[in-house]
Amino acid sequence: MNSIVCVKQVPDTEIRIEIEDGQVVEEKLQYVINPYDEYAIEEALRLREKFGEGQVTVLTLGPERAREAIMQALAVGADEAIHLADEAFQGGDAYATAKALAEAIVRLGLEYDIILCGKQGVDHDNAQVGIALAEMLNLPHVSLVTKLEVADDKSKATARREVEGGKELVETPLPAVITAQKGLNEPRYPTFTGIRAARKKPIHKKTAAELNVDPETVGAAGAKLGIVSLSPPLERSAGHIISGNPVEACGELVRLLREEAKVV
């Protein structure tokens, strides 16, 4: 079972984000694998184990520091990685990112039975790259998957996802793009042996020129959307304590909601 897993390196959500002049102060950030991508990696590994053969290829777009995420994926069991490491790929939106990933898959002639992505990156929270990638590759897709079963002949997959008020069961032919949601599995941790083995696994760094990709169609140049400015949320004001007996307090509360908060 050949799987491609699209992986993104994102800021650690445990770290306080600082913003200056409308931009995130990147020098103070620490980075991790996007948590939803970990479920995608684990599912690819389980599919390889189920069928007893195949290759798990990690595909990453990002600066040099993204190698840390690649190494973690290799340490838990992925076979090889492709790193789109070129300034031309940087600064793009979901469309430009999906475009670069699709171009890499096609131009490198990667063989795959399934493509797995996290449902969204926890940095921009767009939840668009996997879906756009499927469209560009002319593949079916199922998003927000919490359970996945692949037929023995690899011709189709049955996916379950949670929807408002219930669960939905979707059958799709393969190859397809699947985006992983929390609950799909329990990602494994790298072992010492896995970490050592990861150092010997191939990481193929590719530039736009090497892939013969027009730099005007990817990265910041190919983006359809751009972030103009960022700002932290407003500090919450202190709560207001209303004193007096219950009848008086309720009356005062209603007055405040009507005259000051203007919500009733």
Protein backbone atom coordinates (compact mmCIF):
# COMPACT_ATOMS: atom_id res chain seq x y z
CA MET A 1 0.00 0.00 0.00
CA ASN A 2 1.73 3.15 -1.19
CA SER A 3 0.78 6.26 0.72
CA ILE A 4 1.75 9.91 0.42
CA VAL A 5 1.36 11.92 3.61
CA CYS A 6 1.39 15.71 3.40
CA VAL A 7 2.99 17.11 6.53
CA LYS A 8 3.29 20.68 7.78
CA GLN A 9 5.46 22.15 10.51
CA VAL A 10 3.51 24.61 12.68
CA PRO A 11 4.14 26.73 15.78
CA ASP A 12 3.69 24.84 19.03
CA THR A 13 0.29 25.80 20.42
CA GLU A 14 1.71 25.67 23.94
CA ILE A 15 3.90 28.69 23.14
CA ARG A 16 2.58 32.22 23.55
CA ILE A 17 2.33 33.94 20.17
CA GLU A 18 3.72 37.49 20.12
CA ILE A 19 2.74 40.03 17.47
CA GLU A 20 4.66 43.15 16.57
CA ASP A 21 3.77 45.61 13.79
CA GLY A 22 1.02 43.32 12.58
CA GLN A 23 3.32 40.29 12.17
CA VAL A 24 4.08 37.22 14.27
CA VAL A 25 7.51 37.34 15.94
CA GLU A 26 8.84 34.09 14.47
CA GLU A 27 12.16 34.21 16.34
CA LYS A 28 10.34 33.39 19.58
CA LEU A 29 8.39 30.42 18.23
CA GLN A 30 8.98 26.72 18.68
CA TYR A 31 7.77 24.35 15.98
CA VAL A 32 6.18 20.88 15.90
CA ILE A 33 4.47 18.61 13.39
CA ASN A 34 0.91 19.73 12.82
CA PRO A 35 -1.06 17.53 15.28
CA TYR A 36 -3.66 16.44 12.71
CA ASP A 37 -0.86 15.37 10.36
CA GLU A 38 0.32 12.92 13.02
CA TYR A 39 -2.96 11.03 12.62
CA ALA A 40 -2.39 10.95 8.85
CA ILE A 41 1.13 9.56 9.31
CA GLU A 42 -0.08 6.90 11.74
CA GLU A 43 -2.87 5.80 9.40
CA ALA A 44 -0.41 5.42 6.52
CA LEU A 45 1.83 3.27 8.71
CA ARG A 46 -1.10 1.10 9.75
CA LEU A 47 -2.15 0.60 6.14
CA ARG A 48 1.37 -0.50 5.23
CA GLU A 49 1.33 -2.92 8.15
CA LYS A 50 -2.11 -4.25 7.21
CA PHE A 51 -1.11 -5.07 3.65
CA GLY A 52 2.43 -6.12 4.54
CA GLU A 53 4.01 -4.07 1.77
CA GLY A 54 4.20 -0.62 0.32
CA GLN A 55 5.87 2.72 0.90
CA VAL A 56 5.04 5.70 3.09
CA THR A 57 6.33 8.92 1.53
CA VAL A 58 6.22 12.17 3.49
CA LEU A 59 5.76 15.34 1.43
CA THR A 60 6.59 18.64 3.12
CA LEU A 61 6.68 22.25 2.00
CA GLY A 62 8.62 24.62 4.21
CA PRO A 63 11.91 26.28 5.10
CA GLU A 64 15.00 24.42 6.30
CA ARG A 65 13.61 24.09 9.84
CA ALA A 66 10.83 21.85 8.44
CA ARG A 67 13.46 19.10 8.36
CA GLU A 68 12.71 18.58 12.06
CA ALA A 69 9.15 17.56 11.22
CA ILE A 70 10.43 15.32 8.44
CA MET A 71 12.83 13.56 10.80
CA GLN A 72 10.05 12.90 13.28
CA ALA A 73 7.90 11.35 10.58
CA LEU A 74 10.80 9.17 9.44
CA ALA A 75 11.54 8.20 13.04
CA VAL A 76 8.05 6.77 13.58
CA GLY A 77 8.30 4.68 10.42
CA ALA A 78 7.89 6.64 7.17
CA ASP A 79 10.19 5.34 4.44
CA GLU A 80 11.32 8.52 2.69
CA ALA A 81 10.58 12.22 2.44
CA ILE A 82 10.36 14.92 -0.19
CA HIS A 83 11.08 18.45 1.03
CA LEU A 84 9.96 21.34 -1.17
CA ALA A 85 12.63 23.68 0.11
CA ASP A 86 12.73 26.77 -2.06
CA GLU A 87 11.96 30.41 -1.36
CA ALA A 88 9.65 30.29 -4.39
CA PHE A 89 7.34 27.92 -2.48
CA GLN A 90 7.17 30.10 0.65
CA GLY A 91 4.50 32.59 1.68
CA GLY A 92 1.64 31.01 -0.23
CA ASP A 93 -1.96 30.52 0.81
CA ALA A 94 -3.85 27.21 0.80
CA TYR A 95 -4.28 27.33 -2.99
CA ALA A 96 -0.61 27.97 -3.73
CA THR A 97 0.47 25.32 -1.22
CA ALA A 98 -1.84 22.71 -2.75
CA LYS A 99 -0.59 23.72 -6.20
CA ALA A 100 3.03 23.12 -5.19
CA LEU A 101 2.21 19.75 -3.61
CA ALA A 102 0.23 18.63 -6.64
CA GLU A 103 2.99 19.68 -9.02
CA ALA A 104 5.55 17.73 -6.99
CA ILE A 105 3.42 14.58 -6.97
CA VAL A 106 2.82 14.71 -10.72
CA ARG A 107 6.25 15.81 -11.88
CA LEU A 108 8.10 13.33 -9.66
CA GLY A 109 5.83 10.55 -10.89
CA LEU A 110 5.06 9.39 -7.36
CA GLU A 111 3.08 6.16 -7.17
CA TYR A 112 0.33 6.09 -4.58
CA ASP A 113 -2.84 4.27 -3.60
CA ILE A 114 -3.92 6.98 -1.17
CA ILE A 115 -2.94 10.50 -0.10
CA LEU A 116 -3.39 11.45 3.55
CA CYS A 117 -3.39 14.93 5.10
CA GLY A 118 -4.36 16.41 8.43
CA LYS A 119 -7.77 18.04 8.30
CA GLN A 120 -6.22 21.47 8.89
CA GLY A 121 -3.09 23.21 10.07
CA VAL A 122 -3.37 24.60 13.59
CA ASP A 123 -1.64 27.81 12.53
CA HIS A 124 -3.96 29.24 9.85
CA ASP A 125 -6.86 26.81 10.41
CA ASN A 126 -8.00 27.01 6.78
CA ALA A 127 -8.79 23.30 6.30
CA GLN A 128 -8.43 23.78 2.53
CA VAL A 129 -5.13 22.29 1.36
CA GLY A 130 -6.19 18.63 1.28
CA ILE A 131 -9.42 19.40 -0.54
CA ALA A 132 -7.71 21.68 -3.06
CA LEU A 133 -5.01 19.05 -3.61
CA ALA A 134 -7.66 16.45 -4.46
CA GLU A 135 -9.26 18.83 -6.97
CA MET A 136 -5.93 19.59 -8.65
CA LEU A 137 -5.11 15.89 -8.96
CA ASN A 138 -8.66 15.10 -10.13
CA LEU A 139 -9.16 12.72 -7.21
CA PRO A 140 -12.12 12.10 -4.91
CA HIS A 141 -11.68 13.18 -1.31
CA VAL A 142 -13.22 12.58 2.09
CA SER A 143 -12.52 15.06 4.87
CA LEU A 144 -12.67 14.92 8.69
CA VAL A 145 -12.25 11.13 8.74
CA THR A 146 -12.34 9.36 12.11
CA LYS A 147 -12.26 5.77 10.83
CA LEU A 148 -10.88 4.34 7.59
CA GLU A 149 -11.16 0.87 6.10
CA VAL A 150 -9.47 -0.04 2.81
CA ALA A 151 -10.69 -2.98 0.76
CA ASP A 152 -8.34 -5.95 0.39
CA ASP A 153 -7.94 -5.26 -3.33
CA LYS A 154 -7.19 -1.54 -2.61
CA SER A 155 -9.92 -0.51 -5.04
CA LYS A 156 -12.00 1.45 -2.56
CA ALA A 157 -12.15 2.75 0.99
CA THR A 158 -14.94 3.25 3.48
CA ALA A 159 -14.55 6.30 5.70
CA ARG A 160 -16.52 7.42 8.71
CA ARG A 161 -16.73 11.01 9.80
CA GLU A 162 -18.67 12.86 12.44
CA VAL A 163 -21.28 15.36 11.31
CA GLU A 164 -23.60 17.51 13.35
CA GLY A 165 -26.04 15.23 15.11
CA GLY A 166 -24.53 11.95 13.99
CA LYS A 167 -22.00 10.05 11.91
CA GLU A 168 -21.63 9.71 8.16
CA LEU A 169 -20.31 6.70 6.25
CA VAL A 170 -18.71 7.46 2.89
CA GLU A 171 -17.39 5.01 0.28
CA THR A 172 -14.85 6.25 -2.24
CA PRO A 173 -12.80 4.64 -5.00
CA LEU A 174 -9.03 4.73 -4.63
CA PRO A 175 -6.76 6.53 -5.11
CA ALA A 176 -8.31 9.35 -3.09
CA VAL A 177 -7.32 12.12 -0.70
CA ILE A 178 -8.28 11.59 2.95
CA THR A 179 -7.99 14.30 5.60
CA ALA A 180 -7.57 13.00 9.13
CA GLN A 181 -9.48 14.12 12.20
CA LYS A 182 -8.69 13.49 15.86
CA GLY A 183 -9.95 10.05 16.82
CA LEU A 184 -8.80 8.30 13.64
CA ASN A 185 -6.08 6.51 15.59
CA GLU A 186 -3.51 6.96 18.34
CA PRO A 187 -0.21 8.20 16.86
CA ARG A 188 2.88 6.31 17.95
CA TYR A 189 5.98 7.91 19.46
CA PRO A 190 9.46 7.70 17.93
CA THR A 191 11.66 5.03 19.48
CA PHE A 192 15.41 5.31 19.96
CA THR A 193 15.88 2.73 17.20
CA GLY A 194 13.52 4.66 14.95
CA ILE A 195 15.38 7.92 15.55
CA ARG A 196 18.67 6.29 14.59
CA ALA A 197 17.14 4.67 11.52
CA ALA A 198 15.64 8.00 10.40
CA ARG A 199 19.15 9.42 9.85
CA LYS A 200 19.74 6.89 7.07
CA LYS A 201 16.45 7.38 5.24
CA PRO A 202 16.40 9.50 2.08
CA ILE A 203 15.21 13.10 2.14
CA HIS A 204 14.86 14.51 -1.37
CA LYS A 205 15.08 18.31 -1.39
CA LYS A 206 13.45 19.86 -4.44
CA THR A 207 13.32 23.39 -5.79
CA ALA A 208 10.82 24.89 -8.20
CA ALA A 209 13.47 24.86 -10.92
CA GLU A 210 14.23 21.17 -10.38
CA LEU A 211 10.53 20.36 -10.68
CA ASN A 212 10.17 22.67 -13.68
CA VAL A 213 7.42 24.56 -11.84
CA ASP A 214 6.67 28.15 -12.80
CA PRO A 215 7.51 30.17 -9.64
CA GLU A 216 4.71 32.61 -10.49
CA THR A 217 2.14 29.87 -9.83
CA VAL A 218 3.24 28.88 -6.33
CA GLY A 219 4.22 30.51 -3.06
CA ALA A 220 3.48 34.18 -2.45
CA ALA A 221 3.40 34.89 -6.19
CA GLY A 222 0.69 32.29 -6.83
CA ALA A 223 -1.42 33.02 -3.76
CA LYS A 224 -5.03 34.14 -4.14
CA LEU A 225 -5.23 35.49 -0.59
CA GLY A 226 -2.81 37.36 1.64
CA ILE A 227 -2.69 38.34 5.30
CA VAL A 228 -2.68 42.13 5.56
CA SER A 229 -2.16 42.37 9.30
CA LEU A 230 -2.45 40.39 12.52
CA SER A 231 -3.45 41.58 15.95
CA PRO A 232 -3.85 39.88 19.33
CA PRO A 233 -7.34 39.61 20.84
CA LEU A 234 -8.43 42.44 23.09
CA GLU A 235 -7.71 42.03 26.77
CA ARG A 236 -10.81 41.03 28.69
CA SER A 237 -12.08 43.63 31.11
CA ALA A 238 -12.76 42.84 34.76
CA GLY A 239 -16.13 41.40 35.69
CA HIS A 240 -18.88 43.56 37.22
CA ILE A 241 -20.34 42.50 40.58
CA ILE A 242 -23.93 43.57 41.19
CA SER A 243 -24.76 43.89 44.87
CA GLY A 244 -28.13 44.05 46.61
CA ASN A 245 -30.99 41.61 47.11
CA PRO A 246 -31.94 39.26 44.24
CA VAL A 247 -34.84 41.41 43.00
CA GLU A 248 -32.75 44.59 42.92
CA ALA A 249 -29.76 42.77 41.40
CA CYS A 250 -31.87 41.34 38.58
CA GLY A 251 -33.30 44.74 37.82
CA GLU A 252 -29.86 46.30 37.70
CA LEU A 253 -28.57 43.46 35.51
CA VAL A 254 -31.33 44.02 32.99
CA ARG A 255 -30.61 47.77 32.97
CA LEU A 256 -26.89 47.18 32.35
CA LEU A 257 -27.56 44.70 29.57
CA ARG A 258 -29.96 47.12 27.89
CA GLU A 259 -28.24 50.46 28.40
CA GLU A 260 -24.52 49.61 28.57
CA ALA A 261 -24.00 46.28 26.85
CA LYS A 262 -26.95 46.97 24.50
CA VAL A 263 -27.63 43.27 24.02
CA VAL A 264 -31.30 43.23 25.10
